[in-house]
């Protein structure tokens, strides 16, 4: 399973100076922009994209992490420990409450 962000997300990221190369450092850049984004209509329309991007970074940089789909089709990242990381839900929480920061989710995935 391979998931990619939309052109709309890529355009938004580029317009806000956020590298969308799936490098772990880009999560901190994205975090800096999310508070502004969460309070706009864009936040409502691209919320899932943040989760897909977060998952892409984890899959590319955390050993043995991979995309899987739950029986209902919901995409999650499975870590080497067997734990599923619901990156879309984590991104929704970030947009709604300001926590957890995306970089923190990535760091947690590295240690799990």
PDB file of N, CA and C in Angstrom:
ATOM      1  N   UNK A   1       0.854  -1.172   0.000  1.00  0.00           N
ATOM      2  CA  UNK A   1       0.000   0.000   0.000  1.00  0.00           C
ATOM      3  C   UNK A   1       0.903   1.238   0.000  1.00  0.00           C
ATOM      4  N   UNK A   2       0.665   2.120  -0.917  1.00  0.00           N
ATOM      5  CA  UNK A   2       1.400   3.377  -0.996  1.00  0.00           C
ATOM      6  C   UNK A   2       0.385   4.513  -1.030  1.00  0.00           C
ATOM      7  N   UNK A   3       0.571   5.482  -0.154  1.00  0.00           N
ATOM      8  CA  UNK A   3      -0.308   6.644  -0.129  1.00  0.00           C
ATOM      9  C   UNK A   3       0.529   7.880  -0.411  1.00  0.00           C
ATOM     10  N   UNK A   4      -0.055   8.823  -1.110  1.00  0.00           N
ATOM     11  CA  UNK A   4       0.647  10.069  -1.402  1.00  0.00           C
ATOM     12  C   UNK A   4      -0.281  11.245  -1.114  1.00  0.00           C
ATOM     13  N   UNK A   5       0.324  12.374  -0.848  1.00  0.00           N
ATOM     14  CA  UNK A   5      -0.468  13.577  -0.601  1.00  0.00           C
ATOM     15  C   UNK A   5      -0.970  14.143  -1.920  1.00  0.00           C
ATOM     16  N   UNK A   6      -2.018  14.930  -1.826  1.00  0.00           N
ATOM     17  CA  UNK A   6      -2.617  15.515  -3.020  1.00  0.00           C
ATOM     18  C   UNK A   6      -1.807  16.696  -3.525  1.00  0.00           C
ATOM     19  N   UNK A   7      -2.088  17.080  -4.738  1.00  0.00           N
ATOM     20  CA  UNK A   7      -1.464  18.267  -5.323  1.00  0.00           C
ATOM     21  C   UNK A   7      -1.872  19.505  -4.528  1.00  0.00           C
ATOM     22  N   UNK A   8      -3.086  19.518  -4.003  1.00  0.00           N
ATOM     23  CA  UNK A   8      -3.556  20.656  -3.210  1.00  0.00           C
ATOM     24  C   UNK A   8      -2.700  20.831  -1.951  1.00  0.00           C
ATOM     25  N   UNK A   9      -2.399  19.709  -1.277  1.00  0.00           N
ATOM     26  CA  UNK A   9      -1.536  19.781  -0.096  1.00  0.00           C
ATOM     27  C   UNK A   9      -0.133  20.234  -0.488  1.00  0.00           C
ATOM     28  N   UNK A  10       0.408  19.687  -1.547  1.00  0.00           N
ATOM     29  CA  UNK A  10       1.748  20.063  -2.008  1.00  0.00           C
ATOM     30  C   UNK A  10       1.800  21.552  -2.339  1.00  0.00           C
ATOM     31  N   UNK A  11       0.768  22.057  -2.993  1.00  0.00           N
ATOM     32  CA  UNK A  11       0.715  23.488  -3.325  1.00  0.00           C
ATOM     33  C   UNK A  11       0.651  24.339  -2.060  1.00  0.00           C
ATOM     34  N   UNK A  12      -0.202  23.934  -1.105  1.00  0.00           N
ATOM     35  CA  UNK A  12      -0.309  24.670   0.148  1.00  0.00           C
ATOM     36  C   UNK A  12       1.035  24.690   0.867  1.00  0.00           C
ATOM     37  N   UNK A  13       1.682  23.536   0.957  1.00  0.00           N
ATOM     38  CA  UNK A  13       2.972  23.442   1.642  1.00  0.00           C
ATOM     39  C   UNK A  13       4.008  24.352   0.981  1.00  0.00           C
ATOM     40  N   UNK A  14       4.086  24.303  -0.321  1.00  0.00           N
ATOM     41  CA  UNK A  14       5.055  25.136  -1.039  1.00  0.00           C
ATOM     42  C   UNK A  14       4.773  26.620  -0.816  1.00  0.00           C
ATOM     43  N   UNK A  15       3.512  27.000  -0.832  1.00  0.00           N
ATOM     44  CA  UNK A  15       3.139  28.407  -0.638  1.00  0.00           C
ATOM     45  C   UNK A  15       3.469  28.907   0.766  1.00  0.00           C
ATOM     46  N   UNK A  16       3.579  27.975   1.724  1.00  0.00           N
ATOM     47  CA  UNK A  16       3.869  28.347   3.103  1.00  0.00           C
ATOM     48  C   UNK A  16       5.302  28.016   3.511  1.00  0.00           C
ATOM     49  N   UNK A  17       6.133  27.721   2.531  1.00  0.00           N
ATOM     50  CA  UNK A  17       7.545  27.476   2.816  1.00  0.00           C
ATOM     51  C   UNK A  17       7.837  26.170   3.514  1.00  0.00           C
ATOM     52  N   UNK A  18       6.925  25.218   3.390  1.00  0.00           N
ATOM     53  CA  UNK A  18       7.112  23.915   4.027  1.00  0.00           C
ATOM     54  C   UNK A  18       7.609  22.933   2.980  1.00  0.00           C
ATOM     55  N   UNK A  19       8.763  22.367   3.238  1.00  0.00           N
ATOM     56  CA  UNK A  19       9.297  21.342   2.358  1.00  0.00           C
ATOM     57  C   UNK A  19       8.393  20.119   2.474  1.00  0.00           C
ATOM     58  N   UNK A  20       8.008  19.547   1.369  1.00  0.00           N
ATOM     59  CA  UNK A  20       7.176  18.342   1.431  1.00  0.00           C
ATOM     60  C   UNK A  20       7.912  17.173   0.781  1.00  0.00           C
ATOM     61  N   UNK A  21       9.176  17.028   1.187  1.00  0.00           N
ATOM     62  CA  UNK A  21      10.043  15.968   0.665  1.00  0.00           C
ATOM     63  C   UNK A  21       9.994  14.718   1.516  1.00  0.00           C
ATOM     64  N   UNK A  22       9.141  14.684   2.522  1.00  0.00           N
ATOM     65  CA  UNK A  22       9.003  13.571   3.460  1.00  0.00           C
ATOM     66  C   UNK A  22      10.240  13.382   4.323  1.00  0.00           C
ATOM     67  N   UNK A  23      10.984  14.460   4.538  1.00  0.00           N
ATOM     68  CA  UNK A  23      12.109  14.430   5.469  1.00  0.00           C
ATOM     69  C   UNK A  23      11.573  14.666   6.875  1.00  0.00           C
ATOM     70  N   UNK A  24      12.115  13.994   7.879  1.00  0.00           N
ATOM     71  CA  UNK A  24      11.627  14.208   9.245  1.00  0.00           C
ATOM     72  C   UNK A  24      11.652  15.676   9.675  1.00  0.00           C
ATOM     73  N   UNK A  25      12.632  16.443   9.213  1.00  0.00           N
ATOM     74  CA  UNK A  25      12.733  17.848   9.579  1.00  0.00           C
ATOM     75  C   UNK A  25      11.533  18.660   9.078  1.00  0.00           C
ATOM     76  N   UNK A  26      10.905  18.198   8.025  1.00  0.00           N
ATOM     77  CA  UNK A  26       9.770  18.936   7.467  1.00  0.00           C
ATOM     78  C   UNK A  26       8.567  18.905   8.396  1.00  0.00           C
ATOM     79  N   UNK A  27       8.515  17.940   9.314  1.00  0.00           N
ATOM     80  CA  UNK A  27       7.385  17.880  10.248  1.00  0.00           C
ATOM     81  C   UNK A  27       7.369  19.093  11.173  1.00  0.00           C
ATOM     82  N   UNK A  28       8.548  19.535  11.613  1.00  0.00           N
ATOM     83  CA  UNK A  28       8.616  20.736  12.455  1.00  0.00           C
ATOM     84  C   UNK A  28       8.173  21.962  11.657  1.00  0.00           C
ATOM     85  N   UNK A  29       8.568  22.031  10.384  1.00  0.00           N
ATOM     86  CA  UNK A  29       8.143  23.146   9.530  1.00  0.00           C
ATOM     87  C   UNK A  29       6.620  23.150   9.386  1.00  0.00           C
ATOM     88  N   UNK A  30       6.069  21.975   9.170  1.00  0.00           N
ATOM     89  CA  UNK A  30       4.623  21.849   9.015  1.00  0.00           C
ATOM     90  C   UNK A  30       3.911  22.219  10.318  1.00  0.00           C
ATOM     91  N   UNK A  31       4.444  21.744  11.445  1.00  0.00           N
ATOM     92  CA  UNK A  31       3.866  22.093  12.745  1.00  0.00           C
ATOM     93  C   UNK A  31       3.764  23.596  12.934  1.00  0.00           C
ATOM     94  N   UNK A  32       4.776  24.329  12.502  1.00  0.00           N
ATOM     95  CA  UNK A  32       4.777  25.781  12.658  1.00  0.00           C
ATOM     96  C   UNK A  32       3.620  26.439  11.914  1.00  0.00           C
ATOM     97  N   UNK A  33       3.193  25.848  10.822  1.00  0.00           N
ATOM     98  CA  UNK A  33       2.136  26.432   9.999  1.00  0.00           C
ATOM     99  C   UNK A  33       0.736  25.956  10.379  1.00  0.00           C
ATOM    100  N   UNK A  34       0.637  24.864  11.116  1.00  0.00           N
ATOM    101  CA  UNK A  34      -0.672  24.252  11.341  1.00  0.00           C
ATOM    102  C   UNK A  34      -1.636  25.089  12.164  1.00  0.00           C
ATOM    103  N   UNK A  35      -1.140  25.886  13.090  1.00  0.00           N
ATOM    104  CA  UNK A  35      -2.073  26.694  13.885  1.00  0.00           C
ATOM    105  C   UNK A  35      -2.843  27.668  13.005  1.00  0.00           C
ATOM    106  N   UNK A  36      -2.152  28.313  12.088  1.00  0.00           N
ATOM    107  CA  UNK A  36      -2.814  29.210  11.136  1.00  0.00           C
ATOM    108  C   UNK A  36      -3.767  28.417  10.244  1.00  0.00           C
ATOM    109  N   UNK A  37      -3.313  27.282   9.801  1.00  0.00           N
ATOM    110  CA  UNK A  37      -4.076  26.446   8.902  1.00  0.00           C
ATOM    111  C   UNK A  37      -5.325  25.901   9.567  1.00  0.00           C
ATOM    112  N   UNK A  38      -5.214  25.479  10.824  1.00  0.00           N
ATOM    113  CA  UNK A  38      -6.338  24.871  11.533  1.00  0.00           C
ATOM    114  C   UNK A  38      -7.518  25.829  11.650  1.00  0.00           C
ATOM    115  N   UNK A  39      -7.245  27.119  11.687  1.00  0.00           N
ATOM    116  CA  UNK A  39      -8.302  28.118  11.846  1.00  0.00           C
ATOM    117  C   UNK A  39      -8.878  28.600  10.523  1.00  0.00           C
ATOM    118  N   UNK A  40      -8.583  27.910   9.453  1.00  0.00           N
ATOM    119  CA  UNK A  40      -9.082  28.324   8.143  1.00  0.00           C
ATOM    120  C   UNK A  40      -9.896  27.199   7.514  1.00  0.00           C
ATOM    121  N   UNK A  41     -10.545  27.524   6.417  1.00  0.00           N
ATOM    122  CA  UNK A  41     -11.279  26.502   5.667  1.00  0.00           C
ATOM    123  C   UNK A  41     -10.343  25.456   5.096  1.00  0.00           C
ATOM    124  N   UNK A  42      -9.104  25.835   4.852  1.00  0.00           N
ATOM    125  CA  UNK A  42      -8.127  24.886   4.309  1.00  0.00           C
ATOM    126  C   UNK A  42      -7.920  23.745   5.290  1.00  0.00           C
ATOM    127  N   UNK A  43      -7.858  24.058   6.589  1.00  0.00           N
ATOM    128  CA  UNK A  43      -7.659  23.026   7.600  1.00  0.00           C
ATOM    129  C   UNK A  43      -8.740  21.970   7.556  1.00  0.00           C
ATOM    130  N   UNK A  44      -9.961  22.394   7.291  1.00  0.00           N
ATOM    131  CA  UNK A  44     -11.060  21.440   7.207  1.00  0.00           C
ATOM    132  C   UNK A  44     -10.952  20.554   5.970  1.00  0.00           C
ATOM    133  N   UNK A  45     -10.470  21.110   4.879  1.00  0.00           N
ATOM    134  CA  UNK A  45     -10.461  20.345   3.632  1.00  0.00           C
ATOM    135  C   UNK A  45      -9.218  19.483   3.458  1.00  0.00           C
ATOM    136  N   UNK A  46      -8.131  19.797   4.157  1.00  0.00           N
ATOM    137  CA  UNK A  46      -6.897  19.035   3.969  1.00  0.00           C
ATOM    138  C   UNK A  46      -6.437  18.277   5.215  1.00  0.00           C
ATOM    139  N   UNK A  47      -7.272  18.172   6.216  1.00  0.00           N
ATOM    140  CA  UNK A  47      -6.878  17.506   7.456  1.00  0.00           C
ATOM    141  C   UNK A  47      -6.317  16.111   7.257  1.00  0.00           C
ATOM    142  N   UNK A  48      -6.951  15.306   6.431  1.00  0.00           N
ATOM    143  CA  UNK A  48      -6.448  13.955   6.184  1.00  0.00           C
ATOM    144  C   UNK A  48      -5.081  13.976   5.528  1.00  0.00           C
ATOM    145  N   UNK A  49      -4.833  15.009   4.742  1.00  0.00           N
ATOM    146  CA  UNK A  49      -3.552  15.106   4.040  1.00  0.00           C
ATOM    147  C   UNK A  49      -2.378  15.214   5.010  1.00  0.00           C
ATOM    148  N   UNK A  50      -2.584  15.918   6.107  1.00  0.00           N
ATOM    149  CA  UNK A  50      -1.536  16.038   7.108  1.00  0.00           C
ATOM    150  C   UNK A  50      -1.202  14.653   7.662  1.00  0.00           C
ATOM    151  N   UNK A  51      -2.218  13.855   7.925  1.00  0.00           N
ATOM    152  CA  UNK A  51      -1.999  12.495   8.419  1.00  0.00           C
ATOM    153  C   UNK A  51      -1.288  11.622   7.410  1.00  0.00           C
ATOM    154  N   UNK A  52      -1.665  11.733   6.155  1.00  0.00           N
ATOM    155  CA  UNK A  52      -1.007  10.946   5.111  1.00  0.00           C
ATOM    156  C   UNK A  52       0.458  11.365   4.990  1.00  0.00           C
ATOM    157  N   UNK A  53       0.715  12.663   5.084  1.00  0.00           N
ATOM    158  CA  UNK A  53       2.094  13.140   5.018  1.00  0.00           C
ATOM    159  C   UNK A  53       2.898  12.629   6.212  1.00  0.00           C
ATOM    160  N   UNK A  54       2.327  12.738   7.410  1.00  0.00           N
ATOM    161  CA  UNK A  54       2.992  12.226   8.605  1.00  0.00           C
ATOM    162  C   UNK A  54       3.311  10.739   8.443  1.00  0.00           C
ATOM    163  N   UNK A  55       2.341   9.984   7.980  1.00  0.00           N
ATOM    164  CA  UNK A  55       2.566   8.552   7.769  1.00  0.00           C
ATOM    165  C   UNK A  55       3.643   8.275   6.747  1.00  0.00           C
ATOM    166  N   UNK A  56       3.690   9.072   5.696  1.00  0.00           N
ATOM    167  CA  UNK A  56       4.716   8.911   4.665  1.00  0.00           C
ATOM    168  C   UNK A  56       6.104   9.112   5.261  1.00  0.00           C
ATOM    169  N   UNK A  57       6.251  10.126   6.108  1.00  0.00           N
ATOM    170  CA  UNK A  57       7.552  10.363   6.753  1.00  0.00           C
ATOM    171  C   UNK A  57       7.925   9.173   7.637  1.00  0.00           C
ATOM    172  N   UNK A  58       6.979   8.688   8.410  1.00  0.00           N
ATOM    173  CA  UNK A  58       7.248   7.551   9.293  1.00  0.00           C
ATOM    174  C   UNK A  58       7.637   6.316   8.481  1.00  0.00           C
ATOM    175  N   UNK A  59       6.887   6.003   7.447  1.00  0.00           N
ATOM    176  CA  UNK A  59       7.167   4.817   6.636  1.00  0.00           C
ATOM    177  C   UNK A  59       8.544   4.907   5.975  1.00  0.00           C
ATOM    178  N   UNK A  60       8.914   6.086   5.527  1.00  0.00           N
ATOM    179  CA  UNK A  60      10.212   6.245   4.857  1.00  0.00           C
ATOM    180  C   UNK A  60      11.406   6.225   5.803  1.00  0.00           C
ATOM    181  N   UNK A  61      11.194   6.614   7.065  1.00  0.00           N
ATOM    182  CA  UNK A  61      12.346   6.819   7.943  1.00  0.00           C
ATOM    183  C   UNK A  61      12.376   5.974   9.209  1.00  0.00           C
ATOM    184  N   UNK A  62      11.326   5.270   9.522  1.00  0.00           N
ATOM    185  CA  UNK A  62      11.320   4.398  10.692  1.00  0.00           C
ATOM    186  C   UNK A  62      11.457   2.960  10.195  1.00  0.00           C
ATOM    187  N   UNK A  63      12.517   2.279  10.623  1.00  0.00           N
ATOM    188  CA  UNK A  63      12.743   0.914  10.142  1.00  0.00           C
ATOM    189  C   UNK A  63      11.527   0.009  10.326  1.00  0.00           C
ATOM    190  N   UNK A  64      11.201  -0.709   9.265  1.00  0.00           N
ATOM    191  CA  UNK A  64      10.137  -1.716   9.220  1.00  0.00           C
ATOM    192  C   UNK A  64       8.722  -1.154   9.347  1.00  0.00           C
ATOM    193  N   UNK A  65       8.556   0.163   9.360  1.00  0.00           N
ATOM    194  CA  UNK A  65       7.208   0.738   9.381  1.00  0.00           C
ATOM    195  C   UNK A  65       6.589   0.578   7.993  1.00  0.00           C
ATOM    196  N   UNK A  66       5.289   0.326   7.969  1.00  0.00           N
ATOM    197  CA  UNK A  66       4.606   0.144   6.682  1.00  0.00           C
ATOM    198  C   UNK A  66       3.147   0.562   6.783  1.00  0.00           C
ATOM    199  N   UNK A  67       2.610   0.958   5.636  1.00  0.00           N
ATOM    200  CA  UNK A  67       1.185   1.270   5.552  1.00  0.00           C
ATOM    201  C   UNK A  67       0.403  -0.034   5.568  1.00  0.00           C
ATOM    202  N   UNK A  68      -0.684  -0.048   6.314  1.00  0.00           N
ATOM    203  CA  UNK A  68      -1.662  -1.137   6.271  1.00  0.00           C
ATOM    204  C   UNK A  68      -3.045  -0.499   6.331  1.00  0.00           C
ATOM    205  N   UNK A  69      -4.026  -1.266   5.947  1.00  0.00           N
ATOM    206  CA  UNK A  69      -5.416  -0.790   6.034  1.00  0.00           C
ATOM    207  C   UNK A  69      -6.157  -1.661   7.030  1.00  0.00           C
ATOM    208  N   UNK A  70      -6.884  -1.018   7.933  1.00  0.00           N
ATOM    209  CA  UNK A  70      -7.753  -1.754   8.831  1.00  0.00           C
ATOM    210  C   UNK A  70      -8.881  -2.360   7.993  1.00  0.00           C
ATOM    211  N   UNK A  71      -9.618  -3.315   8.530  1.00  0.00           N
ATOM    212  CA  UNK A  71     -10.705  -3.945   7.762  1.00  0.00           C
ATOM    213  C   UNK A  71     -11.707  -2.950   7.170  1.00  0.00           C
ATOM    214  N   UNK A  72     -11.875  -1.793   7.809  1.00  0.00           N
ATOM    215  CA  UNK A  72     -12.805  -0.793   7.283  1.00  0.00           C
ATOM    216  C   UNK A  72     -12.164   0.086   6.210  1.00  0.00           C
ATOM    217  N   UNK A  73     -10.880  -0.187   5.872  1.00  0.00           N
ATOM    218  CA  UNK A  73     -10.182   0.564   4.832  1.00  0.00           C
ATOM    219  C   UNK A  73      -9.380   1.747   5.332  1.00  0.00           C
ATOM    220  N   UNK A  74      -9.463   2.060   6.608  1.00  0.00           N
ATOM    221  CA  UNK A  74      -8.755   3.199   7.186  1.00  0.00           C
ATOM    222  C   UNK A  74      -7.242   2.939   7.179  1.00  0.00           C
ATOM    223  N   UNK A  75      -6.457   3.860   6.608  1.00  0.00           N
ATOM    224  CA  UNK A  75      -5.005   3.654   6.546  1.00  0.00           C
ATOM    225  C   UNK A  75      -4.328   3.998   7.866  1.00  0.00           C
ATOM    226  N   UNK A  76      -3.425   3.116   8.287  1.00  0.00           N
ATOM    227  CA  UNK A  76      -2.609   3.340   9.478  1.00  0.00           C
ATOM    228  C   UNK A  76      -1.184   2.902   9.157  1.00  0.00           C
ATOM    229  N   UNK A  77      -0.260   3.302  10.000  1.00  0.00           N
ATOM    230  CA  UNK A  77       1.125   2.858   9.856  1.00  0.00           C
ATOM    231  C   UNK A  77       1.379   1.798  10.920  1.00  0.00           C
ATOM    232  N   UNK A  78       1.835   0.631  10.479  1.00  0.00           N
ATOM    233  CA  UNK A  78       2.184  -0.433  11.419  1.00  0.00           C
ATOM    234  C   UNK A  78       3.683  -0.347  11.698  1.00  0.00           C
ATOM    235  N   UNK A  79       4.002  -0.267  12.984  1.00  0.00           N
ATOM    236  CA  UNK A  79       5.389  -0.180  13.409  1.00  0.00           C
ATOM    237  C   UNK A  79       5.954  -1.582  13.631  1.00  0.00           C
ATOM    238  N   UNK A  80       7.268  -1.687  13.738  1.00  0.00           N
ATOM    239  CA  UNK A  80       7.902  -2.997  13.880  1.00  0.00           C
ATOM    240  C   UNK A  80       7.440  -3.719  15.146  1.00  0.00           C
ATOM    241  N   UNK A  81       6.989  -2.979  16.147  1.00  0.00           N
ATOM    242  CA  UNK A  81       6.478  -3.576  17.382  1.00  0.00           C
ATOM    243  C   UNK A  81       5.118  -4.231  17.182  1.00  0.00           C
ATOM    244  N   UNK A  82       4.503  -3.983  16.020  1.00  0.00           N
ATOM    245  CA  UNK A  82       3.153  -4.482  15.755  1.00  0.00           C
ATOM    246  C   UNK A  82       2.078  -3.465  16.091  1.00  0.00           C
ATOM    247  N   UNK A  83       2.469  -2.369  16.724  1.00  0.00           N
ATOM    248  CA  UNK A  83       1.517  -1.324  17.080  1.00  0.00           C
ATOM    249  C   UNK A  83       1.104  -0.557  15.829  1.00  0.00           C
ATOM    250  N   UNK A  84      -0.190  -0.258  15.715  1.00  0.00           N
ATOM    251  CA  UNK A  84      -0.699   0.560  14.622  1.00  0.00           C
ATOM    252  C   UNK A  84      -0.756   2.012  15.072  1.00  0.00           C
ATOM    253  N   UNK A  85      -0.232   2.878  14.236  1.00  0.00           N
ATOM    254  CA  UNK A  85      -0.221   4.310  14.499  1.00  0.00           C
ATOM    255  C   UNK A  85      -1.241   4.956  13.571  1.00  0.00           C
ATOM    256  N   UNK A  86      -2.313   5.444  14.153  1.00  0.00           N
ATOM    257  CA  UNK A  86      -3.386   6.069  13.369  1.00  0.00           C
ATOM    258  C   UNK A  86      -2.986   7.521  13.094  1.00  0.00           C
ATOM    259  N   UNK A  87      -2.197   7.698  12.051  1.00  0.00           N
ATOM    260  CA  UNK A  87      -1.638   9.004  11.729  1.00  0.00           C
ATOM    261  C   UNK A  87      -2.697  10.023  11.323  1.00  0.00           C
ATOM    262  N   UNK A  88      -3.766   9.591  10.716  1.00  0.00           N
ATOM    263  CA  UNK A  88      -4.847  10.508  10.342  1.00  0.00           C
ATOM    264  C   UNK A  88      -5.515  11.040  11.614  1.00  0.00           C
ATOM    265  N   UNK A  89      -5.760  10.171  12.560  1.00  0.00           N
ATOM    266  CA  UNK A  89      -6.345  10.597  13.832  1.00  0.00           C
ATOM    267  C   UNK A  89      -5.398  11.539  14.573  1.00  0.00           C
ATOM    268  N   UNK A  90      -4.105  11.219  14.581  1.00  0.00           N
ATOM    269  CA  UNK A  90      -3.123  12.071  15.253  1.00  0.00           C
ATOM    270  C   UNK A  90      -3.097  13.461  14.611  1.00  0.00           C
ATOM    271  N   UNK A  91      -3.191  13.513  13.298  1.00  0.00           N
ATOM    272  CA  UNK A  91      -3.213  14.806  12.600  1.00  0.00           C
ATOM    273  C   UNK A  91      -4.495  15.570  12.934  1.00  0.00           C
ATOM    274  N   UNK A  92      -5.623  14.862  13.001  1.00  0.00           N
ATOM    275  CA  UNK A  92      -6.880  15.514  13.379  1.00  0.00           C
ATOM    276  C   UNK A  92      -6.777  16.111  14.777  1.00  0.00           C
ATOM    277  N   UNK A  93      -6.187  15.364  15.714  1.00  0.00           N
ATOM    278  CA  UNK A  93      -5.992  15.881  17.069  1.00  0.00           C
ATOM    279  C   UNK A  93      -5.120  17.134  17.043  1.00  0.00           C
ATOM    280  N   UNK A  94      -4.065  17.099  16.236  1.00  0.00           N
ATOM    281  CA  UNK A  94      -3.154  18.240  16.143  1.00  0.00           C
ATOM    282  C   UNK A  94      -3.897  19.476  15.640  1.00  0.00           C
ATOM    283  N   UNK A  95      -4.742  19.298  14.636  1.00  0.00           N
ATOM    284  CA  UNK A  95      -5.478  20.424  14.081  1.00  0.00           C
ATOM    285  C   UNK A  95      -6.540  20.944  15.045  1.00  0.00           C
ATOM    286  N   UNK A  96      -7.147  20.054  15.813  1.00  0.00           N
ATOM    287  CA  UNK A  96      -8.232  20.460  16.709  1.00  0.00           C
ATOM    288  C   UNK A  96      -7.740  21.024  18.038  1.00  0.00           C
ATOM    289  N   UNK A  97      -6.671  20.434  18.582  1.00  0.00           N
ATOM    290  CA  UNK A  97      -6.267  20.816  19.937  1.00  0.00           C
ATOM    291  C   UNK A  97      -4.838  21.339  20.051  1.00  0.00           C
ATOM    292  N   UNK A  98      -4.098  21.263  18.964  1.00  0.00           N
ATOM    293  CA  UNK A  98      -2.715  21.719  19.013  1.00  0.00           C
ATOM    294  C   UNK A  98      -1.728  20.671  19.476  1.00  0.00           C
ATOM    295  N   UNK A  99      -2.192  19.523  19.854  1.00  0.00           N
ATOM    296  CA  UNK A  99      -1.338  18.421  20.314  1.00  0.00           C
ATOM    297  C   UNK A  99      -1.827  17.113  19.745  1.00  0.00           C
ATOM    298  N   UNK A 100      -0.998  16.171  19.516  1.00  0.00           N
ATOM    299  CA  UNK A 100       0.459  16.178  19.646  1.00  0.00           C
ATOM    300  C   UNK A 100       1.101  16.824  18.423  1.00  0.00           C
ATOM    301  N   UNK A 101       2.279  17.378  18.612  1.00  0.00           N
ATOM    302  CA  UNK A 101       3.010  17.914  17.472  1.00  0.00           C
ATOM    303  C   UNK A 101       3.447  16.753  16.584  1.00  0.00           C
ATOM    304  N   UNK A 102       3.460  16.982  15.293  1.00  0.00           N
ATOM    305  CA  UNK A 102       3.798  15.928  14.337  1.00  0.00           C
ATOM    306  C   UNK A 102       5.197  15.383  14.578  1.00  0.00           C
ATOM    307  N   UNK A 103       6.133  16.260  14.889  1.00  0.00           N
ATOM    308  CA  UNK A 103       7.504  15.813  15.153  1.00  0.00           C
ATOM    309  C   UNK A 103       7.553  14.902  16.374  1.00  0.00           C
ATOM    310  N   UNK A 104       6.687  15.138  17.359  1.00  0.00           N
ATOM    311  CA  UNK A 104       6.622  14.274  18.540  1.00  0.00           C
ATOM    312  C   UNK A 104       6.086  12.896  18.176  1.00  0.00           C
ATOM    313  N   UNK A 105       5.097  12.841  17.315  1.00  0.00           N
ATOM    314  CA  UNK A 105       4.555  11.557  16.864  1.00  0.00           C
ATOM    315  C   UNK A 105       5.650  10.765  16.158  1.00  0.00           C
ATOM    316  N   UNK A 106       6.411  11.436  15.303  1.00  0.00           N
ATOM    317  CA  UNK A 106       7.518  10.780  14.600  1.00  0.00           C
ATOM    318  C   UNK A 106       8.551  10.247  15.596  1.00  0.00           C
ATOM    319  N   UNK A 107       8.936  11.066  16.573  1.00  0.00           N
ATOM    320  CA  UNK A 107       9.915  10.626  17.573  1.00  0.00           C
ATOM    321  C   UNK A 107       9.402   9.422  18.343  1.00  0.00           C
ATOM    322  N   UNK A 108       8.133   9.427  18.686  1.00  0.00           N
ATOM    323  CA  UNK A 108       7.524   8.287  19.389  1.00  0.00           C
ATOM    324  C   UNK A 108       7.587   7.026  18.518  1.00  0.00           C
ATOM    325  N   UNK A 109       7.312   7.185  17.243  1.00  0.00           N
ATOM    326  CA  UNK A 109       7.374   6.033  16.320  1.00  0.00           C
ATOM    327  C   UNK A 109       8.783   5.460  16.251  1.00  0.00           C
ATOM    328  N   UNK A 110       9.787   6.320  16.294  1.00  0.00           N
ATOM    329  CA  UNK A 110      11.179   5.853  16.280  1.00  0.00           C
ATOM    330  C   UNK A 110      11.514   5.003  17.501  1.00  0.00           C
ATOM    331  N   UNK A 111      10.896   5.309  18.620  1.00  0.00           N
ATOM    332  CA  UNK A 111      11.200   4.609  19.877  1.00  0.00           C
ATOM    333  C   UNK A 111      10.300   3.414  20.131  1.00  0.00           C
ATOM    334  N   UNK A 112       9.279   3.239  19.317  1.00  0.00           N
ATOM    335  CA  UNK A 112       8.311   2.153  19.549  1.00  0.00           C
ATOM    336  C   UNK A 112       8.721   0.890  18.825  1.00  0.00           C
TER     337      UNK A 112
END
